[in-house]
């Protein structure tokens, strides 16, 4: 539906027939950690997230899981080595 509160006439997933379904009935502007994200849109000289009405809440416990500008590092799995087999390989 089209937003009728902050981002007037912009498609918004949080709008219902009764108005904004988000707590507080209004979207919050982005936080500094959101700068560079592909989900940020500008409306009336302010920047808002297309996917989240309160971006600060997504960054509260760490990185936002919707952020397109953050690349998660993969933990390198260490392979267990059997010491007996490793000693036999070294002699061969």
Protein backbone atom coordinates (compact mmCIF):
# COMPACT_ATOMS: atom_id res chain seq x y z
CA UNK A 1 0.00 0.00 0.00
CA UNK A 2 1.00 3.60 -0.35
CA UNK A 3 2.35 5.36 2.74
CA UNK A 4 0.22 8.17 4.12
CA UNK A 5 2.49 9.24 7.00
CA UNK A 6 6.20 10.04 6.57
CA UNK A 7 6.83 8.92 2.97
CA UNK A 8 3.63 10.16 1.38
CA UNK A 9 2.56 8.19 -1.72
CA UNK A 10 5.57 5.80 -1.60
CA UNK A 11 4.94 2.04 -1.63
CA UNK A 12 5.31 0.75 1.95
CA UNK A 13 5.02 -2.81 3.29
CA UNK A 14 3.95 -1.54 6.72
CA UNK A 15 0.81 0.30 5.59
CA UNK A 16 -2.62 -1.24 6.14
CA UNK A 17 -6.14 0.03 5.61
CA UNK A 18 -6.07 1.28 9.21
CA UNK A 19 -2.80 3.20 8.68
CA UNK A 20 0.80 2.43 9.54
CA UNK A 21 1.09 -0.96 11.26
CA UNK A 22 4.47 -0.15 12.83
CA UNK A 23 4.62 0.67 16.55
CA UNK A 24 4.43 4.45 16.80
CA UNK A 25 2.80 4.67 13.36
CA UNK A 26 5.82 6.35 11.78
CA UNK A 27 9.07 5.21 10.14
CA UNK A 28 12.35 6.37 11.65
CA UNK A 29 15.28 7.78 9.59
CA UNK A 30 18.37 5.61 9.10
CA UNK A 31 21.29 5.50 11.52
CA UNK A 32 24.93 6.18 10.49
CA UNK A 33 25.66 2.43 10.19
CA UNK A 34 23.12 2.25 7.32
CA UNK A 35 25.10 4.62 5.09
CA UNK A 36 25.99 2.81 1.87
CA UNK A 37 23.24 0.20 2.10
CA UNK A 38 21.28 -0.55 -1.06
CA UNK A 39 17.97 -0.50 0.81
CA UNK A 40 18.22 3.19 1.74
CA UNK A 41 15.90 5.59 -0.06
CA UNK A 42 15.75 9.37 0.16
CA UNK A 43 12.47 11.11 0.73
CA UNK A 44 11.98 14.79 1.63
CA UNK A 45 15.75 15.24 2.23
CA UNK A 46 15.81 12.40 4.81
CA UNK A 47 16.97 8.82 4.31
CA UNK A 48 14.79 5.84 5.20
CA UNK A 49 15.15 2.07 5.00
CA UNK A 50 12.85 0.29 2.54
CA UNK A 51 12.82 -2.90 4.62
CA UNK A 52 12.78 -1.74 8.23
CA UNK A 53 10.74 1.04 9.88
CA UNK A 54 13.22 1.41 12.76
CA UNK A 55 16.79 0.80 11.51
CA UNK A 56 18.34 1.53 14.93
CA UNK A 57 16.65 -1.60 16.31
CA UNK A 58 18.36 -3.79 13.67
CA UNK A 59 21.80 -2.47 14.67
CA UNK A 60 21.21 -2.72 18.42
CA UNK A 61 22.62 -6.23 18.84
CA UNK A 62 25.26 -6.12 16.10
CA UNK A 63 25.18 -5.94 12.32
CA UNK A 64 21.86 -5.57 10.55
CA UNK A 65 20.92 -8.80 8.78
CA UNK A 66 19.34 -6.80 5.93
CA UNK A 67 22.40 -4.62 5.24
CA UNK A 68 23.62 -4.98 1.67
CA UNK A 69 26.90 -3.17 2.29
CA UNK A 70 28.21 -5.58 4.95
CA UNK A 71 29.91 -8.79 3.91
CA UNK A 72 29.88 -11.48 6.58
CA UNK A 73 33.18 -13.24 7.05
CA UNK A 74 33.05 -16.99 6.78
CA UNK A 75 34.65 -18.81 9.67
CA UNK A 76 37.32 -21.10 8.33
CA UNK A 77 36.70 -24.63 9.56
CA UNK A 78 39.79 -26.24 10.99
CA UNK A 79 40.10 -29.87 10.08
CA UNK A 80 41.03 -32.26 12.84
CA UNK A 81 44.25 -34.13 12.24
CA UNK A 82 44.80 -37.55 13.72
CA UNK A 83 48.30 -37.36 15.27
CA UNK A 84 49.03 -41.06 14.59
CA UNK A 85 48.18 -40.78 10.89
CA UNK A 86 50.10 -37.51 10.63
CA UNK A 87 53.23 -39.13 12.05
CA UNK A 88 52.96 -42.01 9.57
CA UNK A 89 52.60 -39.62 6.64
CA UNK A 90 55.78 -37.80 7.60
CA UNK A 91 57.91 -40.98 7.49
CA UNK A 92 56.78 -42.18 4.09
